[in-house]
Amino acid sequence: QVQLVESGGDLVQAGESLTLSCRVSGGNINTFVMNWYRQTPGKQRELVGQIDRYGKNTFFLGSVKGRFTISRDSAKNTMYLQMSNLKPDDTATYYCMIPFRPADFWGQGTQVTVSS
């Protein structure tokens, strides 16, 4: 029922900013905890950040803390990952995810590439 669609990935230069979107269908984002993950080829996905049901950022990966912010727009049923001062190490496929055991919901991912 629930579907997640990421968008906004792009090729950017180090130091630039980029905002990713995750549109949710089949459910109200205000009822979910939502996560952003990222994955580099050859590595496991890592949790980048989390937003709770009240719109509060409850977790950030240490390497992105202070540079990334998660927000949401209830009217659009969309979550955002705002990234600033991007670094080459931020290069990855970014995924939005709703934990809903036993069947978590994942988007297909959007590619972010940061060049030096």
C-alpha atoms as a PDB file:
ATOM      1  CA  GLN A   1       0.000   0.000   0.000  1.00  0.00           C
ATOM      2  CA  VAL A   2       2.627   2.528   1.064  1.00  0.00           C
ATOM      3  CA  GLN A   3       4.969   3.686  -1.679  1.00  0.00           C
ATOM      4  CA  LEU A   4       7.983   5.971  -1.431  1.00  0.00           C
ATOM      5  CA  VAL A   5       9.512   7.836  -4.348  1.00  0.00           C
ATOM      6  CA  GLU A   6      12.772   9.730  -3.982  1.00  0.00           C
ATOM      7  CA  SER A   7      13.874  12.499  -6.287  1.00  0.00           C
ATOM      8  CA  GLY A   8      16.360  15.336  -6.461  1.00  0.00           C
ATOM      9  CA  GLY A   9      19.626  13.474  -6.813  1.00  0.00           C
ATOM     10  CA  ASP A  10      22.215  15.197  -8.959  1.00  0.00           C
ATOM     11  CA  LEU A  11      25.874  15.722  -9.727  1.00  0.00           C
ATOM     12  CA  VAL A  12      27.206  18.621  -7.681  1.00  0.00           C
ATOM     13  CA  GLN A  13      30.549  20.040  -6.679  1.00  0.00           C
ATOM     14  CA  ALA A  14      31.997  19.904  -3.195  1.00  0.00           C
ATOM     15  CA  GLY A  15      30.676  22.700  -1.033  1.00  0.00           C
ATOM     16  CA  GLU A  16      27.370  22.975  -2.837  1.00  0.00           C
ATOM     17  CA  SER A  17      23.917  22.199  -1.475  1.00  0.00           C
ATOM     18  CA  LEU A  18      21.189  19.848  -2.600  1.00  0.00           C
ATOM     19  CA  THR A  19      17.750  18.868  -1.343  1.00  0.00           C
ATOM     20  CA  LEU A  20      16.282  15.417  -1.845  1.00  0.00           C
ATOM     21  CA  SER A  21      12.571  14.641  -1.734  1.00  0.00           C
ATOM     22  CA  CYS A  22      10.649  11.557  -0.715  1.00  0.00           C
ATOM     23  CA  ARG A  23       6.996  11.552  -1.641  1.00  0.00           C
ATOM     24  CA  VAL A  24       4.801   9.119   0.276  1.00  0.00           C
ATOM     25  CA  SER A  25       1.683   7.537  -1.177  1.00  0.00           C
ATOM     26  CA  GLY A  26      -0.780   5.296   0.620  1.00  0.00           C
ATOM     27  CA  GLY A  27      -0.181   6.756   4.058  1.00  0.00           C
ATOM     28  CA  ASN A  28       0.075   9.963   6.036  1.00  0.00           C
ATOM     29  CA  ILE A  29       3.660  10.954   6.820  1.00  0.00           C
ATOM     30  CA  ASN A  30       2.539  12.469  10.106  1.00  0.00           C
ATOM     31  CA  THR A  31       1.846   8.969  11.391  1.00  0.00           C
ATOM     32  CA  PHE A  32       5.328   7.636  10.624  1.00  0.00           C
ATOM     33  CA  VAL A  33       8.858   7.821  11.810  1.00  0.00           C
ATOM     34  CA  MET A  34      10.880   8.240   8.641  1.00  0.00           C
ATOM     35  CA  ASN A  35      14.512   7.643   7.836  1.00  0.00           C
ATOM     36  CA  TRP A  36      17.062   8.613   5.235  1.00  0.00           C
ATOM     37  CA  TYR A  37      19.674   6.010   4.364  1.00  0.00           C
ATOM     38  CA  ARG A  38      22.502   6.048   1.882  1.00  0.00           C
ATOM     39  CA  GLN A  39      24.591   3.392   0.199  1.00  0.00           C
ATOM     40  CA  THR A  40      27.835   3.429  -1.736  1.00  0.00           C
ATOM     41  CA  PRO A  41      28.535   0.503  -4.089  1.00  0.00           C
ATOM     42  CA  GLY A  42      30.273  -2.268  -2.193  1.00  0.00           C
ATOM     43  CA  LYS A  43      29.112  -1.023   1.193  1.00  0.00           C
ATOM     44  CA  GLN A  44      26.042  -1.578   3.321  1.00  0.00           C
ATOM     45  CA  ARG A  45      23.465   1.102   3.662  1.00  0.00           C
ATOM     46  CA  GLU A  46      23.944   3.450   6.580  1.00  0.00           C
ATOM     47  CA  LEU A  47      21.366   5.480   8.420  1.00  0.00           C
ATOM     48  CA  VAL A  48      21.849   9.148   7.618  1.00  0.00           C
ATOM     49  CA  GLY A  49      19.090  10.696   9.685  1.00  0.00           C
ATOM     50  CA  GLN A  50      15.649  10.302  11.162  1.00  0.00           C
ATOM     51  CA  ILE A  51      12.568  12.444  11.673  1.00  0.00           C
ATOM     52  CA  ASP A  52       9.857  11.595  14.163  1.00  0.00           C
ATOM     53  CA  ARG A  53       6.090  11.952  13.945  1.00  0.00           C
ATOM     54  CA  TYR A  54       6.308  15.501  15.250  1.00  0.00           C
ATOM     55  CA  GLY A  55       8.786  16.629  12.642  1.00  0.00           C
ATOM     56  CA  LYS A  56      11.768  16.578  14.976  1.00  0.00           C
ATOM     57  CA  ASN A  57      15.164  15.455  13.757  1.00  0.00           C
ATOM     58  CA  THR A  58      16.026  12.651  16.148  1.00  0.00           C
ATOM     59  CA  PHE A  59      19.236  11.272  14.658  1.00  0.00           C
ATOM     60  CA  PHE A  60      22.052  12.181  12.301  1.00  0.00           C
ATOM     61  CA  LEU A  61      25.091  10.269  11.218  1.00  0.00           C
ATOM     62  CA  GLY A  62      28.132  11.865  12.793  1.00  0.00           C
ATOM     63  CA  SER A  63      29.752  12.700   9.474  1.00  0.00           C
ATOM     64  CA  VAL A  64      26.710  14.687   8.292  1.00  0.00           C
ATOM     65  CA  LYS A  65      25.621  16.272  11.552  1.00  0.00           C
ATOM     66  CA  GLY A  66      25.446  20.023  11.220  1.00  0.00           C
ATOM     67  CA  ARG A  67      25.297  19.841   7.434  1.00  0.00           C
ATOM     68  CA  PHE A  68      22.086  17.857   6.830  1.00  0.00           C
ATOM     69  CA  THR A  69      18.539  18.609   7.943  1.00  0.00           C
ATOM     70  CA  ILE A  70      15.363  16.564   7.581  1.00  0.00           C
ATOM     71  CA  SER A  71      11.988  18.224   7.183  1.00  0.00           C
ATOM     72  CA  ARG A  72       8.560  17.389   5.868  1.00  0.00           C
ATOM     73  CA  ASP A  73       5.617  19.021   4.164  1.00  0.00           C
ATOM     74  CA  SER A  74       2.362  17.492   5.335  1.00  0.00           C
ATOM     75  CA  ALA A  75       0.355  19.095   2.540  1.00  0.00           C
ATOM     76  CA  LYS A  76       2.567  17.381  -0.025  1.00  0.00           C
ATOM     77  CA  ASN A  77       3.028  14.234   2.073  1.00  0.00           C
ATOM     78  CA  THR A  78       6.722  14.603   1.360  1.00  0.00           C
ATOM     79  CA  MET A  79       9.897  14.352   3.405  1.00  0.00           C
ATOM     80  CA  TYR A  80      13.053  16.246   2.504  1.00  0.00           C
ATOM     81  CA  LEU A  81      16.740  15.830   3.137  1.00  0.00           C
ATOM     82  CA  GLN A  82      18.454  19.191   2.935  1.00  0.00           C
ATOM     83  CA  MET A  83      22.185  18.807   2.430  1.00  0.00           C
ATOM     84  CA  SER A  84      24.735  21.590   2.595  1.00  0.00           C
ATOM     85  CA  ASN A  85      28.495  21.823   2.236  1.00  0.00           C
ATOM     86  CA  LEU A  86      28.505  18.526   0.401  1.00  0.00           C
ATOM     87  CA  LYS A  87      31.667  16.478   0.383  1.00  0.00           C
ATOM     88  CA  PRO A  88      32.875  13.753  -1.974  1.00  0.00           C
ATOM     89  CA  ASP A  89      32.280  11.230   0.822  1.00  0.00           C
ATOM     90  CA  ASP A  90      28.584  12.073   0.625  1.00  0.00           C
ATOM     91  CA  THR A  91      28.439  10.437  -2.788  1.00  0.00           C
ATOM     92  CA  ALA A  92      25.899   7.628  -2.558  1.00  0.00           C
ATOM     93  CA  THR A  93      22.457   6.447  -3.483  1.00  0.00           C
ATOM     94  CA  TYR A  94      20.053   7.950  -0.989  1.00  0.00           C
ATOM     95  CA  TYR A  95      16.929   6.120   0.152  1.00  0.00           C
ATOM     96  CA  CYS A  96      13.952   7.117   2.231  1.00  0.00           C
ATOM     97  CA  MET A  97      12.496   4.474   4.489  1.00  0.00           C
ATOM     98  CA  ILE A  98       9.568   3.976   6.834  1.00  0.00           C
ATOM     99  CA  PRO A  99      10.133   1.355   9.526  1.00  0.00           C
ATOM    100  CA  PHE A 100       6.982  -0.720   9.663  1.00  0.00           C
ATOM    101  CA  ARG A 101       7.844  -4.240  10.708  1.00  0.00           C
ATOM    102  CA  PRO A 102       7.700  -6.827   9.419  1.00  0.00           C
ATOM    103  CA  ALA A 103       7.609  -5.089   6.036  1.00  0.00           C
ATOM    104  CA  ASP A 104       9.572  -1.852   6.074  1.00  0.00           C
ATOM    105  CA  PHE A 105       8.890   0.504   3.194  1.00  0.00           C
ATOM    106  CA  TRP A 106      11.757   1.632   0.971  1.00  0.00           C
ATOM    107  CA  GLY A 107      12.046   3.935  -1.961  1.00  0.00           C
ATOM    108  CA  GLN A 108      14.088   3.054  -5.029  1.00  0.00           C
ATOM    109  CA  GLY A 109      16.785   5.583  -4.268  1.00  0.00           C
ATOM    110  CA  THR A 110      18.198   8.684  -5.883  1.00  0.00           C
ATOM    111  CA  GLN A 111      21.849   9.158  -6.803  1.00  0.00           C
ATOM    112  CA  VAL A 112      23.939  11.954  -5.357  1.00  0.00           C
ATOM    113  CA  THR A 113      27.425  12.448  -6.745  1.00  0.00           C
ATOM    114  CA  VAL A 114      29.749  15.047  -5.268  1.00  0.00           C
ATOM    115  CA  SER A 115      32.855  15.930  -7.219  1.00  0.00           C
ATOM    116  CA  SER A 116      35.970  17.545  -5.806  1.00  0.00           C
END
